């Protein structure tokens, strides 16, 4: 039997139910991505700006894992489609 090392979430939220811990992490991941999407660097030689959205997707996926990361991305897209200004440049769906 393999014993896994404790993660940061189990260390800081030891008595929290697993579903609640996952929900908090998914919402936090989508909000982090929304915040990073607002950062943009305009380069003079190209009309396409560089945004923090790409870094945010990679960061959320690496930190939360595949299932929670995918759920955070789906929540992010849903929030933007609902009209919240979460996409790059303050855009919404």
Foldseek 3Di string as FASTA:
>chain_A
DDDDDDDPLCVVPVPDDPVVSLVVLLQVLLVQLLVQLADWDDDPVDPDIDTRNVVSLVVSCVVVHDPSSVSSVVVNLVCQAVPALRHHPRHGD
